[in-house]
Amino acid sequence: MPRLLAIDTSSNACSVALNDNGSLIEEYAVIPKLHARQVLPMVERLMNESGYSLSELDGIAFANGPGSFTGIRIATGVAQGLAFGSGLPMLPVSSLAVLAQTYCRENDANNSMVVIDARMNQVYWGCYSRIGELVELKGEEGLSAPELIVPETILGSRTDWVGVGDGWKYADDLAAEILANIVKFELECYPHAQDAARLAMRDFNMGHSLDAAQAQPNYLRGKNAWKKSAKS
């Protein structure tokens, strides 16, 4: 089983985790605007606790977005620097998927629609269902104004979806067909790096790692992102 370091700074929470033969250790704190100052000390403490050096790992996972522009740049830059220095491959993981995985793990839930505030009167969103122990994306992740979210065909006729993320403060702007499928909202839920590690482990086993030079944030901005959200 791969030994992976994972970093998530995509929200107000900052966390790092290490997977070692199925056992996960994590350092986690809600520290808005302090990620850049605290994430490397958190990595150092975690590595000291584990007793491993970076060279003994198999890869570095990071939540690459979408999310806070500053946050995902921090995670990408720190993970990339560590990977360059140790010659390790990298595993980018969707921040939305990490949040869905965190919520489903902590609450034994199966279906979550993640919506987070993207500013400029827009939200990032995606629908995830848990298959076994891990969530899988249904359809595509999107970026749009809240009222333009159209994933009814993804939600289907199930009525056990949970709305996760701070973007649900715009719930009144969403279509009634969407809200009819949502059983409750969880606005104050933050992603955990241990869940980035869980998802990255699946990707690693499928051969989906990449070289450090290829790593980049996923902002979901631009014409292509808008077209995806409008057609979803």
Protein backbone atom coordinates (compact mmCIF):
# COMPACT_ATOMS: atom_id res chain seq x y z
CA MET A 1 0.00 0.00 0.00
CA PRO A 2 1.46 3.41 -0.94
CA ARG A 3 2.83 5.74 1.71
CA LEU A 4 1.47 9.19 0.85
CA LEU A 5 1.72 12.66 2.35
CA ALA A 6 -1.38 14.80 1.74
CA ILE A 7 -1.90 18.56 2.05
CA ASP A 8 -5.16 20.53 2.02
CA THR A 9 -5.36 24.32 2.39
CA SER A 10 -8.37 24.93 0.15
CA SER A 11 -10.68 26.26 2.89
CA ASN A 12 -10.44 27.97 6.28
CA ALA A 13 -9.02 24.69 7.56
CA CYS A 14 -5.41 23.67 7.08
CA SER A 15 -4.41 20.03 7.38
CA VAL A 16 -1.71 17.54 6.50
CA ALA A 17 -1.94 13.77 6.70
CA LEU A 18 0.22 10.72 6.16
CA ASN A 19 -0.99 7.33 5.07
CA ASP A 20 1.22 4.40 6.06
CA ASN A 21 0.01 0.91 5.20
CA GLY A 22 -3.61 1.87 5.73
CA SER A 23 -3.02 3.80 8.96
CA LEU A 24 -3.62 7.55 8.78
CA ILE A 25 -2.19 10.27 11.00
CA GLU A 26 -3.27 13.88 10.57
CA GLU A 27 -2.71 17.38 11.89
CA TYR A 28 -5.72 19.65 11.36
CA ALA A 29 -6.59 23.19 12.40
CA VAL A 30 -9.09 25.85 11.39
CA ILE A 31 -6.77 28.83 10.92
CA PRO A 32 -8.11 31.32 8.34
CA LYS A 33 -5.36 33.29 6.55
CA LEU A 34 -2.56 31.50 8.43
CA HIS A 35 -2.06 28.57 6.04
CA ALA A 36 1.12 29.90 4.42
CA ARG A 37 2.72 30.36 7.84
CA GLN A 38 1.60 27.08 9.40
CA VAL A 39 1.47 24.38 6.73
CA LEU A 40 5.22 23.63 6.53
CA PRO A 41 5.62 23.40 10.33
CA MET A 42 2.61 21.06 10.31
CA VAL A 43 4.31 18.88 7.68
CA GLU A 44 7.53 18.85 9.70
CA ARG A 45 5.75 17.83 12.89
CA LEU A 46 3.82 15.10 11.09
CA MET A 47 6.95 13.68 9.47
CA ASN A 48 8.75 13.70 12.82
CA GLU A 49 5.82 11.90 14.41
CA SER A 50 5.80 9.27 11.67
CA GLY A 51 9.53 8.67 11.80
CA TYR A 52 9.80 8.75 7.99
CA SER A 53 11.78 11.03 5.74
CA LEU A 54 10.27 12.40 2.54
CA SER A 55 12.50 10.11 0.48
CA GLU A 56 10.79 7.11 2.09
CA LEU A 57 7.37 8.14 0.80
CA ASP A 58 5.72 7.06 -2.46
CA GLY A 59 4.08 10.34 -3.38
CA ILE A 60 2.61 13.68 -2.29
CA ALA A 61 -1.10 14.38 -2.64
CA PHE A 62 -2.62 17.85 -2.59
CA ALA A 63 -6.07 19.37 -2.93
CA ASN A 64 -5.61 21.42 -6.09
CA GLY A 65 -8.97 23.17 -6.24
CA PRO A 66 -11.34 24.55 -6.95
CA GLY A 67 -11.52 26.70 -3.85
CA SER A 68 -9.77 29.65 -2.28
CA PHE A 69 -7.33 30.95 -4.89
CA THR A 70 -4.71 31.65 -2.23
CA GLY A 71 -5.33 28.35 -0.48
CA ILE A 72 -4.98 26.12 -3.49
CA ARG A 73 -1.87 28.01 -4.62
CA ILE A 74 -0.34 27.39 -1.20
CA ALA A 75 -1.08 23.65 -1.29
CA THR A 76 0.18 23.33 -4.85
CA GLY A 77 3.36 25.30 -4.19
CA VAL A 78 4.23 23.52 -0.95
CA ALA A 79 3.51 20.06 -2.35
CA GLN A 80 5.43 20.87 -5.52
CA GLY A 81 8.45 22.11 -3.58
CA LEU A 82 8.51 18.99 -1.43
CA ALA A 83 8.10 16.75 -4.47
CA PHE A 84 10.90 18.47 -6.40
CA GLY A 85 13.22 18.19 -3.42
CA SER A 86 12.55 14.51 -2.84
CA GLY A 87 11.95 13.32 -6.39
CA LEU A 88 8.43 12.12 -5.58
CA PRO A 89 5.40 12.00 -7.90
CA MET A 90 2.38 14.17 -7.15
CA LEU A 91 -1.31 13.36 -6.94
CA PRO A 92 -3.74 16.25 -7.40
CA VAL A 93 -7.16 15.69 -5.84
CA SER A 94 -10.29 17.79 -6.31
CA SER A 95 -11.01 19.97 -3.30
CA LEU A 96 -14.73 19.40 -3.83
CA ALA A 97 -14.22 15.64 -3.78
CA VAL A 98 -12.16 15.90 -0.58
CA LEU A 99 -14.96 17.84 1.10
CA ALA A 100 -17.52 15.28 -0.07
CA GLN A 101 -15.31 12.45 1.20
CA THR A 102 -14.87 14.15 4.57
CA TYR A 103 -18.59 14.67 5.04
CA CYS A 104 -19.54 11.14 3.94
CA ARG A 105 -16.86 9.57 6.15
CA GLU A 106 -17.76 11.56 9.24
CA ASN A 107 -21.52 11.11 8.84
CA ASP A 108 -21.79 7.71 7.14
CA ALA A 109 -23.58 9.41 4.25
CA ASN A 110 -23.80 8.22 0.66
CA ASN A 111 -24.75 11.21 -1.50
CA SER A 112 -23.52 14.77 -1.21
CA MET A 113 -23.88 17.79 -3.44
CA VAL A 114 -20.97 20.10 -2.67
CA VAL A 115 -21.45 23.82 -3.32
CA ILE A 116 -18.82 26.33 -2.23
CA ASP A 117 -18.69 30.08 -2.63
CA ALA A 118 -16.55 31.14 -5.60
CA ARG A 119 -17.13 34.89 -5.06
CA MET A 120 -18.27 37.18 -7.89
CA ASN A 121 -21.82 35.80 -7.47
CA GLN A 122 -20.72 32.31 -8.51
CA VAL A 123 -20.30 28.91 -6.86
CA TYR A 124 -18.24 25.80 -7.49
CA TRP A 125 -20.31 22.64 -7.36
CA GLY A 126 -20.23 18.89 -7.85
CA CYS A 127 -22.32 15.82 -7.00
CA TYR A 128 -20.70 12.80 -5.36
CA SER A 129 -21.89 9.33 -4.40
CA ARG A 130 -20.01 6.99 -2.11
CA ILE A 131 -19.11 3.66 -3.70
CA GLY A 132 -17.65 1.42 -1.04
CA GLU A 133 -15.53 3.67 1.14
CA LEU A 134 -14.78 6.40 -1.40
CA VAL A 135 -16.83 9.04 -3.18
CA GLU A 136 -17.08 9.26 -6.96
CA LEU A 137 -18.02 12.28 -9.04
CA LYS A 138 -21.34 12.12 -10.88
CA GLY A 139 -21.21 14.11 -14.09
CA GLU A 140 -18.77 17.03 -14.00
CA GLU A 141 -17.72 19.67 -11.53
CA GLY A 142 -19.00 23.11 -12.45
CA LEU A 143 -18.75 26.83 -11.92
CA SER A 144 -21.81 29.02 -12.35
CA ALA A 145 -24.15 31.48 -10.77
CA PRO A 146 -26.24 29.61 -8.15
CA GLU A 147 -29.43 29.92 -10.19
CA LEU A 148 -27.77 28.28 -13.21
CA ILE A 149 -26.86 25.02 -11.48
CA VAL A 150 -28.69 22.26 -13.37
CA PRO A 151 -27.70 18.82 -12.05
CA GLU A 152 -31.24 17.41 -11.75
CA THR A 153 -30.36 14.55 -14.09
CA ILE A 154 -27.42 13.69 -11.84
CA LEU A 155 -29.44 13.81 -8.65
CA GLY A 156 -32.11 11.64 -10.22
CA SER A 157 -35.08 10.66 -8.11
CA ARG A 158 -33.10 10.06 -4.91
CA THR A 159 -34.04 12.26 -1.98
CA ASP A 160 -31.15 11.46 0.38
CA TRP A 161 -28.68 14.06 -0.92
CA VAL A 162 -27.01 16.35 1.60
CA GLY A 163 -26.00 19.88 0.61
CA VAL A 164 -22.43 20.39 1.82
CA GLY A 165 -20.38 23.58 1.77
CA ASP A 166 -20.70 27.31 2.37
CA GLY A 167 -22.23 27.88 -1.07
CA TRP A 168 -25.53 26.59 0.25
CA LYS A 169 -26.09 30.01 1.77
CA TYR A 170 -27.43 30.71 -1.71
CA ALA A 171 -29.95 27.87 -1.47
CA ASP A 172 -32.88 30.22 -2.10
CA ASP A 173 -31.44 30.94 -5.55
CA LEU A 174 -31.31 27.30 -6.62
CA ALA A 175 -33.99 25.58 -8.66
CA ALA A 176 -36.83 23.98 -6.71
CA GLU A 177 -36.13 20.67 -8.50
CA ILE A 178 -32.69 20.59 -6.91
CA LEU A 179 -33.84 21.52 -3.43
CA ALA A 180 -36.48 18.79 -3.54
CA ASN A 181 -33.66 16.22 -3.49
CA ILE A 182 -31.73 17.75 -0.57
CA VAL A 183 -32.57 16.34 2.84
CA LYS A 184 -30.41 18.80 4.83
CA PHE A 185 -27.62 21.36 4.57
CA GLU A 186 -24.17 21.32 6.18
CA LEU A 187 -22.56 24.71 5.58
CA GLU A 188 -19.85 24.51 8.23
CA CYS A 189 -17.93 21.49 7.05
CA TYR A 190 -14.26 21.69 6.06
CA PRO A 191 -12.16 19.16 4.13
CA HIS A 192 -9.52 17.00 5.83
CA ALA A 193 -6.17 16.06 4.32
CA GLN A 194 -6.69 12.46 5.45
CA ASP A 195 -9.52 12.27 2.93
CA ALA A 196 -7.29 13.70 0.22
CA ALA A 197 -4.92 10.86 1.08
CA ARG A 198 -7.70 8.29 0.78
CA LEU A 199 -8.74 9.53 -2.65
CA ALA A 200 -5.13 9.90 -3.79
CA MET A 201 -4.41 6.32 -2.81
CA ARG A 202 -7.01 5.17 -5.32
CA ASP A 203 -5.45 7.36 -8.00
CA PHE A 204 -1.95 6.14 -7.17
CA ASN A 205 -3.01 2.51 -7.50
CA MET A 206 -4.50 3.36 -10.91
CA GLY A 207 -1.25 4.96 -12.07
CA HIS A 208 -2.58 8.52 -12.12
CA SER A 209 0.35 10.34 -10.51
CA LEU A 210 2.26 13.07 -12.31
CA ASP A 211 5.69 14.73 -12.25
CA ALA A 212 6.13 17.75 -10.01
CA ALA A 213 6.70 20.02 -13.01
CA GLN A 214 3.17 19.23 -14.26
CA ALA A 215 1.35 20.13 -11.05
CA GLN A 216 -0.92 23.17 -11.13
CA PRO A 217 -3.99 24.55 -9.35
CA ASN A 218 -7.45 23.90 -10.78
CA TYR A 219 -9.29 27.20 -10.64
CA LEU A 220 -12.25 26.08 -12.78
CA ARG A 221 -12.33 29.60 -14.18
CA GLY A 222 -12.47 30.68 -17.81
CA LYS A 223 -14.60 29.93 -20.84
CA ASN A 224 -14.30 26.14 -20.65
CA ALA A 225 -15.43 26.04 -17.02
CA TRP A 226 -18.41 28.26 -17.78
CA LYS A 227 -19.45 26.12 -20.73
CA LYS A 228 -19.25 22.97 -18.62
CA SER A 229 -21.41 24.42 -15.87
CA ALA A 230 -23.98 25.71 -18.34
CA LYS A 231 -24.28 22.34 -20.11
CA SER A 232 -24.15 20.00 -17.10
